[in-house]
Amino acid sequence: MIKLSFVCGSGLSSKLISWWGQGYNGWSHVDAVLPDGTLLGARDDSPGGTKPGVQIRPANYETWARRDVLELETTPTQAFSWEVYLRAQVGKPYDQAAILGFILGKADHDSGHWICSALQTAALEKVGILPAGFSDSIATSQVAPNALHLLALGLGAKRSTP
């Protein structure tokens, strides 16, 4: 089982990200929910005193205006490989170029850097949840949290309790 936590923060930047990606009631961030309940994701800020970039943060590192946790059924091998892949990304920097690309309407990306939804999308492709070559049709750096939320639902994800 793979769990993804989609959230909308209460700050202005979170509300703008969620609106930009979907309009009313969108998502501003996504983390992987690890088996111990901690959250692994890429952020450009330092909530709860953690460093920016890809980090593992406590389950309650921020207070969110809204949250939706989705579960994807997987094989045990996929779930293990997903967690191993994500843990290998810890410490990598945040991808400011991808955010600028969203704003300017072009596919910019700094290799080895991540935004939250690109990291989770790449992990899903890496373990075969998304088909091989998915990122050939749309760069993972250009998958917004709202798009990943819809993809996960389309893949059969079910809502879960955090």
N, C-alpha and C. Protein backbone atom coordinates (compact mmCIF):
# COMPACT_ATOMS: atom_id res chain seq x y z
N MET A 1 0.85 -1.18 0.00
CA MET A 1 0.00 0.00 0.00
C MET A 1 0.89 1.24 0.00
N ILE A 2 0.53 2.20 -0.82
CA ILE A 2 1.20 3.49 -0.89
C ILE A 2 0.18 4.54 -0.47
N LYS A 3 0.62 5.48 0.39
CA LYS A 3 -0.26 6.56 0.82
C LYS A 3 0.35 7.90 0.43
N LEU A 4 -0.52 8.78 -0.08
CA LEU A 4 -0.13 10.14 -0.43
C LEU A 4 -1.04 11.11 0.32
N SER A 5 -0.43 12.12 0.93
CA SER A 5 -1.17 13.12 1.69
C SER A 5 -1.20 14.42 0.89
N PHE A 6 -2.37 14.78 0.40
CA PHE A 6 -2.58 16.03 -0.34
C PHE A 6 -3.15 17.04 0.63
N VAL A 7 -2.56 18.25 0.63
CA VAL A 7 -2.97 19.26 1.60
C VAL A 7 -3.10 20.63 0.93
N CYS A 8 -3.83 21.48 1.61
CA CYS A 8 -3.84 22.90 1.29
C CYS A 8 -3.51 23.62 2.58
N GLY A 9 -2.42 24.35 2.56
CA GLY A 9 -2.01 25.11 3.74
C GLY A 9 -2.93 26.30 3.96
N SER A 10 -2.78 26.94 5.09
CA SER A 10 -3.64 28.07 5.42
C SER A 10 -3.06 29.42 4.98
N GLY A 11 -1.78 29.44 4.56
CA GLY A 11 -1.15 30.69 4.15
C GLY A 11 -1.55 31.12 2.75
N LEU A 12 -1.24 32.36 2.43
CA LEU A 12 -1.59 32.92 1.13
C LEU A 12 -0.92 32.17 -0.02
N SER A 13 0.37 31.84 0.11
CA SER A 13 1.05 31.14 -0.98
C SER A 13 0.42 29.78 -1.24
N SER A 14 0.02 29.07 -0.19
CA SER A 14 -0.65 27.78 -0.36
C SER A 14 -1.98 27.94 -1.07
N LYS A 15 -2.73 28.94 -0.68
CA LYS A 15 -4.03 29.18 -1.32
C LYS A 15 -3.85 29.54 -2.79
N LEU A 16 -2.82 30.32 -3.11
CA LEU A 16 -2.56 30.67 -4.52
C LEU A 16 -2.15 29.45 -5.33
N ILE A 17 -1.28 28.60 -4.78
CA ILE A 17 -0.87 27.37 -5.48
C ILE A 17 -2.08 26.48 -5.74
N SER A 18 -2.90 26.28 -4.72
CA SER A 18 -4.05 25.40 -4.89
C SER A 18 -5.05 25.96 -5.89
N TRP A 19 -5.26 27.28 -5.87
CA TRP A 19 -6.18 27.89 -6.82
C TRP A 19 -5.60 27.82 -8.23
N TRP A 20 -4.31 28.13 -8.37
CA TRP A 20 -3.69 28.12 -9.70
C TRP A 20 -3.81 26.74 -10.34
N GLY A 21 -3.62 25.71 -9.57
CA GLY A 21 -3.62 24.36 -10.13
C GLY A 21 -4.99 23.79 -10.41
N GLN A 22 -6.03 24.34 -9.80
CA GLN A 22 -7.36 23.74 -9.98
C GLN A 22 -8.49 24.74 -9.88
N GLY A 23 -8.27 25.83 -9.23
CA GLY A 23 -9.38 26.72 -8.92
C GLY A 23 -9.84 26.42 -7.51
N TYR A 24 -11.09 26.61 -7.26
CA TYR A 24 -11.64 26.41 -5.93
C TYR A 24 -11.35 24.99 -5.41
N ASN A 25 -10.88 24.91 -4.17
CA ASN A 25 -10.69 23.65 -3.45
C ASN A 25 -9.54 22.79 -3.97
N GLY A 26 -8.49 23.41 -4.50
CA GLY A 26 -7.34 22.64 -4.98
C GLY A 26 -6.38 22.28 -3.86
N TRP A 27 -5.26 21.70 -4.26
CA TRP A 27 -4.23 21.24 -3.33
C TRP A 27 -2.95 22.04 -3.56
N SER A 28 -2.23 22.32 -2.48
CA SER A 28 -0.99 23.09 -2.61
C SER A 28 0.26 22.25 -2.37
N HIS A 29 0.12 21.05 -1.84
CA HIS A 29 1.29 20.24 -1.51
C HIS A 29 0.90 18.76 -1.42
N VAL A 30 1.88 17.89 -1.66
CA VAL A 30 1.68 16.45 -1.48
C VAL A 30 2.94 15.85 -0.85
N ASP A 31 2.73 14.98 0.12
CA ASP A 31 3.79 14.22 0.78
C ASP A 31 3.48 12.73 0.64
N ALA A 32 4.52 11.91 0.68
CA ALA A 32 4.34 10.47 0.85
C ALA A 32 4.15 10.21 2.34
N VAL A 33 3.21 9.34 2.67
CA VAL A 33 3.02 8.92 4.06
C VAL A 33 3.79 7.61 4.22
N LEU A 34 4.85 7.65 5.01
CA LEU A 34 5.65 6.46 5.23
C LEU A 34 4.95 5.53 6.22
N PRO A 35 5.32 4.25 6.25
CA PRO A 35 4.63 3.30 7.13
C PRO A 35 4.56 3.71 8.60
N ASP A 36 5.56 4.48 9.08
CA ASP A 36 5.52 4.92 10.48
C ASP A 36 4.71 6.20 10.68
N GLY A 37 4.08 6.71 9.61
CA GLY A 37 3.24 7.90 9.71
C GLY A 37 3.97 9.20 9.42
N THR A 38 5.30 9.17 9.33
CA THR A 38 6.02 10.39 8.97
C THR A 38 5.75 10.72 7.51
N LEU A 39 6.06 11.96 7.14
CA LEU A 39 5.77 12.45 5.79
C LEU A 39 7.06 12.79 5.07
N LEU A 40 7.20 12.29 3.85
CA LEU A 40 8.40 12.54 3.06
C LEU A 40 7.99 13.35 1.85
N GLY A 41 8.59 14.53 1.71
CA GLY A 41 8.25 15.37 0.58
C GLY A 41 9.24 16.51 0.40
N ALA A 42 9.04 17.23 -0.69
CA ALA A 42 9.90 18.37 -1.05
C ALA A 42 9.15 19.67 -0.76
N ARG A 43 9.81 20.56 -0.04
CA ARG A 43 9.25 21.87 0.27
C ARG A 43 10.33 22.93 0.10
N ASP A 44 9.89 24.16 -0.17
CA ASP A 44 10.87 25.25 -0.31
C ASP A 44 11.00 26.07 0.96
N ASP A 45 10.26 25.69 2.00
CA ASP A 45 10.33 26.41 3.26
C ASP A 45 10.81 25.47 4.36
N SER A 46 10.73 25.90 5.59
CA SER A 46 11.26 25.13 6.72
C SER A 46 10.21 24.91 7.81
N PRO A 47 9.09 24.24 7.49
CA PRO A 47 8.07 24.06 8.52
C PRO A 47 8.58 23.18 9.66
N GLY A 48 8.26 23.56 10.87
CA GLY A 48 8.66 22.78 12.03
C GLY A 48 10.16 22.72 12.24
N GLY A 49 10.91 23.63 11.60
CA GLY A 49 12.34 23.68 11.77
C GLY A 49 13.14 22.74 10.87
N THR A 50 12.46 21.99 9.98
CA THR A 50 13.20 21.13 9.05
C THR A 50 13.80 21.97 7.93
N LYS A 51 14.84 21.45 7.31
CA LYS A 51 15.48 22.17 6.21
C LYS A 51 14.60 22.12 4.96
N PRO A 52 14.74 23.11 4.07
CA PRO A 52 14.05 23.04 2.78
C PRO A 52 14.58 21.87 1.96
N GLY A 53 13.86 21.53 0.92
CA GLY A 53 14.24 20.42 0.06
C GLY A 53 13.48 19.16 0.44
N VAL A 54 14.01 18.01 0.02
CA VAL A 54 13.37 16.73 0.33
C VAL A 54 13.78 16.31 1.74
N GLN A 55 12.79 16.14 2.59
CA GLN A 55 13.02 15.79 3.99
C GLN A 55 11.91 14.86 4.48
N ILE A 56 12.20 14.17 5.56
CA ILE A 56 11.17 13.41 6.28
C ILE A 56 10.77 14.27 7.46
N ARG A 57 9.47 14.54 7.54
CA ARG A 57 8.96 15.44 8.57
C ARG A 57 7.92 14.70 9.43
N PRO A 58 7.71 15.16 10.66
CA PRO A 58 6.68 14.53 11.51
C PRO A 58 5.30 14.68 10.88
N ALA A 59 4.41 13.79 11.24
CA ALA A 59 3.05 13.79 10.68
C ALA A 59 2.33 15.10 10.92
N ASN A 60 2.65 15.78 11.99
CA ASN A 60 1.95 17.02 12.36
C ASN A 60 2.83 18.25 12.17
N TYR A 61 3.71 18.24 11.16
CA TYR A 61 4.66 19.35 11.02
C TYR A 61 4.01 20.66 10.64
N GLU A 62 2.78 20.63 10.21
CA GLU A 62 2.06 21.86 9.87
C GLU A 62 0.58 21.65 10.12
N THR A 63 -0.13 22.76 10.28
CA THR A 63 -1.59 22.70 10.38
C THR A 63 -2.15 23.07 9.00
N TRP A 64 -2.95 22.19 8.45
CA TRP A 64 -3.48 22.41 7.10
C TRP A 64 -4.93 22.83 7.14
N ALA A 65 -5.31 23.65 6.15
CA ALA A 65 -6.71 24.05 6.01
C ALA A 65 -7.55 22.84 5.57
N ARG A 66 -6.96 21.99 4.71
CA ARG A 66 -7.64 20.78 4.21
C ARG A 66 -6.60 19.70 3.97
N ARG A 67 -7.05 18.45 4.08
CA ARG A 67 -6.16 17.32 3.83
C ARG A 67 -6.96 16.15 3.26
N ASP A 68 -6.37 15.45 2.30
CA ASP A 68 -6.97 14.26 1.72
C ASP A 68 -5.87 13.22 1.55
N VAL A 69 -5.98 12.12 2.26
CA VAL A 69 -4.99 11.05 2.15
C VAL A 69 -5.56 9.98 1.24
N LEU A 70 -4.78 9.65 0.20
CA LEU A 70 -5.19 8.63 -0.76
C LEU A 70 -4.29 7.42 -0.64
N GLU A 71 -4.89 6.22 -0.74
CA GLU A 71 -4.16 4.96 -0.69
C GLU A 71 -4.24 4.28 -2.05
N LEU A 72 -3.10 3.82 -2.53
CA LEU A 72 -3.03 3.05 -3.77
C LEU A 72 -2.62 1.62 -3.43
N GLU A 73 -3.40 0.67 -3.89
CA GLU A 73 -3.04 -0.74 -3.69
C GLU A 73 -1.81 -1.05 -4.54
N THR A 74 -0.87 -1.76 -3.95
CA THR A 74 0.36 -2.13 -4.64
C THR A 74 0.76 -3.54 -4.24
N THR A 75 1.75 -4.05 -4.94
CA THR A 75 2.37 -5.29 -4.48
C THR A 75 3.33 -4.92 -3.35
N PRO A 76 3.69 -5.88 -2.50
CA PRO A 76 4.68 -5.59 -1.46
C PRO A 76 6.01 -5.10 -2.06
N THR A 77 6.40 -5.65 -3.20
CA THR A 77 7.64 -5.22 -3.86
C THR A 77 7.54 -3.77 -4.29
N GLN A 78 6.41 -3.36 -4.87
CA GLN A 78 6.24 -1.97 -5.29
C GLN A 78 6.30 -1.03 -4.09
N ALA A 79 5.61 -1.38 -3.00
CA ALA A 79 5.60 -0.53 -1.81
C ALA A 79 7.01 -0.39 -1.24
N PHE A 80 7.75 -1.48 -1.19
CA PHE A 80 9.12 -1.45 -0.68
C PHE A 80 10.00 -0.59 -1.58
N SER A 81 9.92 -0.80 -2.89
CA SER A 81 10.74 -0.05 -3.85
C SER A 81 10.40 1.43 -3.83
N TRP A 82 9.13 1.76 -3.67
CA TRP A 82 8.66 3.14 -3.58
C TRP A 82 9.31 3.84 -2.40
N GLU A 83 9.28 3.19 -1.23
CA GLU A 83 9.88 3.80 -0.05
C GLU A 83 11.40 3.94 -0.20
N VAL A 84 12.05 2.92 -0.74
CA VAL A 84 13.51 2.98 -0.94
C VAL A 84 13.86 4.13 -1.88
N TYR A 85 13.12 4.25 -2.98
CA TYR A 85 13.37 5.32 -3.94
C TYR A 85 13.21 6.70 -3.27
N LEU A 86 12.12 6.88 -2.55
CA LEU A 86 11.87 8.17 -1.91
C LEU A 86 12.93 8.49 -0.86
N ARG A 87 13.29 7.52 -0.05
CA ARG A 87 14.31 7.76 0.99
C ARG A 87 15.66 8.15 0.36
N ALA A 88 15.93 7.63 -0.84
CA ALA A 88 17.18 7.97 -1.53
C ALA A 88 17.20 9.42 -2.01
N GLN A 89 16.04 10.07 -2.04
CA GLN A 89 15.95 11.47 -2.48
C GLN A 89 16.12 12.46 -1.32
N VAL A 90 16.06 11.97 -0.08
CA VAL A 90 16.17 12.85 1.09
C VAL A 90 17.48 13.63 1.02
N GLY A 91 17.37 14.93 1.27
CA GLY A 91 18.53 15.82 1.24
C GLY A 91 18.69 16.54 -0.08
N LYS A 92 17.96 16.11 -1.12
CA LYS A 92 18.08 16.80 -2.41
C LYS A 92 17.33 18.14 -2.33
N PRO A 93 17.81 19.13 -3.10
CA PRO A 93 17.24 20.48 -2.99
C PRO A 93 15.87 20.64 -3.67
N TYR A 94 15.21 21.72 -3.30
CA TYR A 94 13.93 22.08 -3.90
C TYR A 94 14.18 22.63 -5.30
N ASP A 95 13.26 22.38 -6.22
CA ASP A 95 13.41 22.77 -7.63
C ASP A 95 12.73 24.11 -7.91
N GLN A 96 13.43 25.18 -7.63
CA GLN A 96 12.90 26.52 -7.90
C GLN A 96 12.66 26.74 -9.39
N ALA A 97 13.50 26.15 -10.25
CA ALA A 97 13.34 26.33 -11.70
C ALA A 97 12.01 25.76 -12.18
N ALA A 98 11.57 24.66 -11.60
CA ALA A 98 10.28 24.07 -12.00
C ALA A 98 9.13 25.01 -11.66
N ILE A 99 9.21 25.65 -10.49
CA ILE A 99 8.16 26.60 -10.11
C ILE A 99 8.15 27.78 -11.07
N LEU A 100 9.32 28.28 -11.40
CA LEU A 100 9.42 29.37 -12.37
C LEU A 100 8.85 28.93 -13.72
N GLY A 101 9.10 27.68 -14.09
CA GLY A 101 8.55 27.13 -15.33
C GLY A 101 7.03 27.12 -15.33
N PHE A 102 6.42 26.77 -14.19
CA PHE A 102 4.96 26.83 -14.08
C PHE A 102 4.47 28.25 -14.36
N ILE A 103 5.13 29.21 -13.72
CA ILE A 103 4.70 30.61 -13.85
C ILE A 103 4.87 31.12 -15.28
N LEU A 104 6.00 30.77 -15.90
CA LEU A 104 6.31 31.26 -17.24
C LEU A 104 5.74 30.38 -18.37
N GLY A 105 5.20 29.23 -18.00
CA GLY A 105 4.61 28.36 -19.01
C GLY A 105 5.64 27.60 -19.84
N LYS A 106 6.75 27.21 -19.22
CA LYS A 106 7.73 26.40 -19.94
C LYS A 106 8.28 25.34 -18.99
N ALA A 107 8.78 24.28 -19.56
CA ALA A 107 9.22 23.13 -18.77
C ALA A 107 10.66 23.28 -18.31
N ASP A 108 10.88 24.10 -17.30
CA ASP A 108 12.20 24.23 -16.70
C ASP A 108 12.31 23.25 -15.54
N HIS A 109 13.55 22.82 -15.28
CA HIS A 109 13.77 21.87 -14.20
C HIS A 109 15.26 21.79 -13.93
N ASP A 110 15.66 21.80 -12.66
CA ASP A 110 17.05 21.59 -12.29
C ASP A 110 17.23 20.11 -11.95
N SER A 111 18.07 19.43 -12.68
CA SER A 111 18.33 18.01 -12.46
C SER A 111 18.76 17.76 -11.01
N GLY A 112 18.17 16.74 -10.41
CA GLY A 112 18.51 16.41 -9.02
C GLY A 112 17.77 17.24 -8.00
N HIS A 113 16.87 18.12 -8.43
CA HIS A 113 16.05 18.96 -7.56
C HIS A 113 14.60 18.51 -7.71
N TRP A 114 13.79 18.72 -6.68
CA TRP A 114 12.40 18.27 -6.71
C TRP A 114 11.42 19.33 -6.23
N ILE A 115 10.22 19.32 -6.82
CA ILE A 115 9.05 19.92 -6.20
C ILE A 115 8.22 18.76 -5.68
N CYS A 116 7.29 19.03 -4.79
CA CYS A 116 6.57 17.97 -4.09
C CYS A 116 5.90 16.98 -5.03
N SER A 117 5.13 17.47 -5.97
CA SER A 117 4.36 16.57 -6.84
C SER A 117 5.22 15.86 -7.86
N ALA A 118 6.31 16.48 -8.30
CA ALA A 118 7.23 15.80 -9.23
C ALA A 118 7.89 14.62 -8.55
N LEU A 119 8.30 14.79 -7.31
CA LEU A 119 8.93 13.71 -6.56
C LEU A 119 7.99 12.52 -6.44
N GLN A 120 6.76 12.78 -6.07
CA GLN A 120 5.80 11.68 -5.89
C GLN A 120 5.43 11.03 -7.22
N THR A 121 5.32 11.83 -8.28
CA THR A 121 5.02 11.29 -9.61
C THR A 121 6.16 10.40 -10.08
N ALA A 122 7.40 10.87 -9.92
CA ALA A 122 8.56 10.08 -10.34
C ALA A 122 8.62 8.75 -9.58
N ALA A 123 8.30 8.79 -8.29
CA ALA A 123 8.31 7.56 -7.48
C ALA A 123 7.27 6.57 -7.99
N LEU A 124 6.09 7.07 -8.33
CA LEU A 124 5.04 6.18 -8.84
C LEU A 124 5.42 5.57 -10.19
N GLU A 125 6.10 6.35 -11.02
CA GLU A 125 6.55 5.82 -12.31
C GLU A 125 7.69 4.81 -12.08
N LYS A 126 8.59 5.12 -11.19
CA LYS A 126 9.75 4.27 -10.92
C LYS A 126 9.34 2.85 -10.54
N VAL A 127 8.27 2.73 -9.76
CA VAL A 127 7.86 1.41 -9.27
C VAL A 127 6.74 0.77 -10.09
N GLY A 128 6.37 1.41 -11.21
CA GLY A 128 5.40 0.80 -12.13
C GLY A 128 3.94 1.07 -11.84
N ILE A 129 3.65 1.99 -10.93
CA ILE A 129 2.25 2.37 -10.70
C ILE A 129 1.77 3.22 -11.88
N LEU A 130 2.59 4.17 -12.27
CA LEU A 130 2.37 4.88 -13.54
C LEU A 130 3.16 4.13 -14.60
N PRO A 131 2.65 4.06 -15.82
CA PRO A 131 3.34 3.27 -16.84
C PRO A 131 4.72 3.82 -17.18
N ALA A 132 5.63 2.92 -17.54
CA ALA A 132 6.96 3.33 -17.99
C ALA A 132 6.79 4.28 -19.16
N GLY A 133 7.55 5.34 -19.17
CA GLY A 133 7.45 6.33 -20.24
C GLY A 133 6.44 7.41 -19.98
N PHE A 134 5.75 7.35 -18.83
CA PHE A 134 4.77 8.38 -18.50
C PHE A 134 5.40 9.76 -18.60
N SER A 135 6.62 9.90 -18.06
CA SER A 135 7.28 11.20 -18.04
C SER A 135 7.76 11.64 -19.43
N ASP A 136 7.63 10.77 -20.43
CA ASP A 136 7.92 11.19 -21.80
C ASP A 136 6.79 12.05 -22.36
N SER A 137 5.58 11.87 -21.82
CA SER A 137 4.44 12.64 -22.32
C SER A 137 4.24 13.94 -21.55
N ILE A 138 4.57 13.96 -20.28
CA ILE A 138 4.54 15.18 -19.47
C ILE A 138 5.68 15.10 -18.47
N ALA A 139 6.50 16.12 -18.44
CA ALA A 139 7.63 16.14 -17.51
C ALA A 139 7.12 16.08 -16.08
N THR A 140 7.72 15.23 -15.26
CA THR A 140 7.26 15.14 -13.87
C THR A 140 7.36 16.49 -13.17
N SER A 141 8.31 17.32 -13.59
CA SER A 141 8.47 18.64 -12.97
C SER A 141 7.30 19.57 -13.27
N GLN A 142 6.42 19.17 -14.16
CA GLN A 142 5.27 20.00 -14.51
C GLN A 142 3.95 19.38 -14.06
N VAL A 143 4.02 18.35 -13.21
CA VAL A 143 2.81 17.76 -12.64
C VAL A 143 2.52 18.48 -11.33
N ALA A 144 1.42 19.21 -11.30
CA ALA A 144 1.03 19.96 -10.10
C ALA A 144 0.34 19.01 -9.10
N PRO A 145 0.26 19.40 -7.82
CA PRO A 145 -0.42 18.54 -6.84
C PRO A 145 -1.84 18.15 -7.27
N ASN A 146 -2.58 19.08 -7.86
CA ASN A 146 -3.95 18.77 -8.29
C ASN A 146 -3.96 17.70 -9.38
N ALA A 147 -3.03 17.79 -10.33
CA ALA A 147 -2.97 16.80 -11.39
C ALA A 147 -2.63 15.43 -10.83
N LEU A 148 -1.70 15.38 -9.88
CA LEU A 148 -1.34 14.09 -9.28
C LEU A 148 -2.51 13.53 -8.48
N HIS A 149 -3.26 14.38 -7.81
CA HIS A 149 -4.44 13.93 -7.07
C HIS A 149 -5.42 13.24 -8.03
N LEU A 150 -5.66 13.88 -9.16
CA LEU A 150 -6.57 13.29 -10.15
C LEU A 150 -6.00 12.00 -10.73
N LEU A 151 -4.69 11.98 -11.01
CA LEU A 151 -4.05 10.75 -11.50
C LEU A 151 -4.23 9.61 -10.51
N ALA A 152 -3.98 9.89 -9.24
CA ALA A 152 -4.10 8.85 -8.21
C ALA A 152 -5.52 8.31 -8.14
N LEU A 153 -6.50 9.20 -8.19
CA LEU A 153 -7.89 8.76 -8.18
C LEU A 153 -8.20 7.92 -9.43
N GLY A 154 -7.67 8.34 -10.57
CA GLY A 154 -7.86 7.59 -11.81
C GLY A 154 -7.21 6.22 -11.77
N LEU A 155 -6.16 6.09 -10.99
CA LEU A 155 -5.48 4.80 -10.82
C LEU A 155 -6.17 3.91 -9.78
N GLY A 156 -7.27 4.42 -9.22
CA GLY A 156 -8.04 3.62 -8.27
C GLY A 156 -7.75 3.90 -6.81
N ALA A 157 -7.08 5.00 -6.51
CA ALA A 157 -6.79 5.34 -5.11
C ALA A 157 -8.08 5.52 -4.33
N LYS A 158 -8.02 5.12 -3.08
CA LYS A 158 -9.16 5.25 -2.16
C LYS A 158 -8.78 6.23 -1.07
N ARG A 159 -9.78 6.96 -0.59
CA ARG A 159 -9.55 7.89 0.52
C ARG A 159 -9.30 7.09 1.79
N SER A 160 -8.41 7.62 2.61
CA SER A 160 -7.98 6.96 3.83
C SER A 160 -8.04 7.94 4.97
N THR A 161 -7.93 7.44 6.18
CA THR A 161 -7.76 8.33 7.32
C THR A 161 -6.28 8.58 7.48
N PRO A 162 -5.90 9.81 7.85
CA PRO A 162 -4.47 10.11 8.01
C PRO A 162 -3.87 9.24 9.07
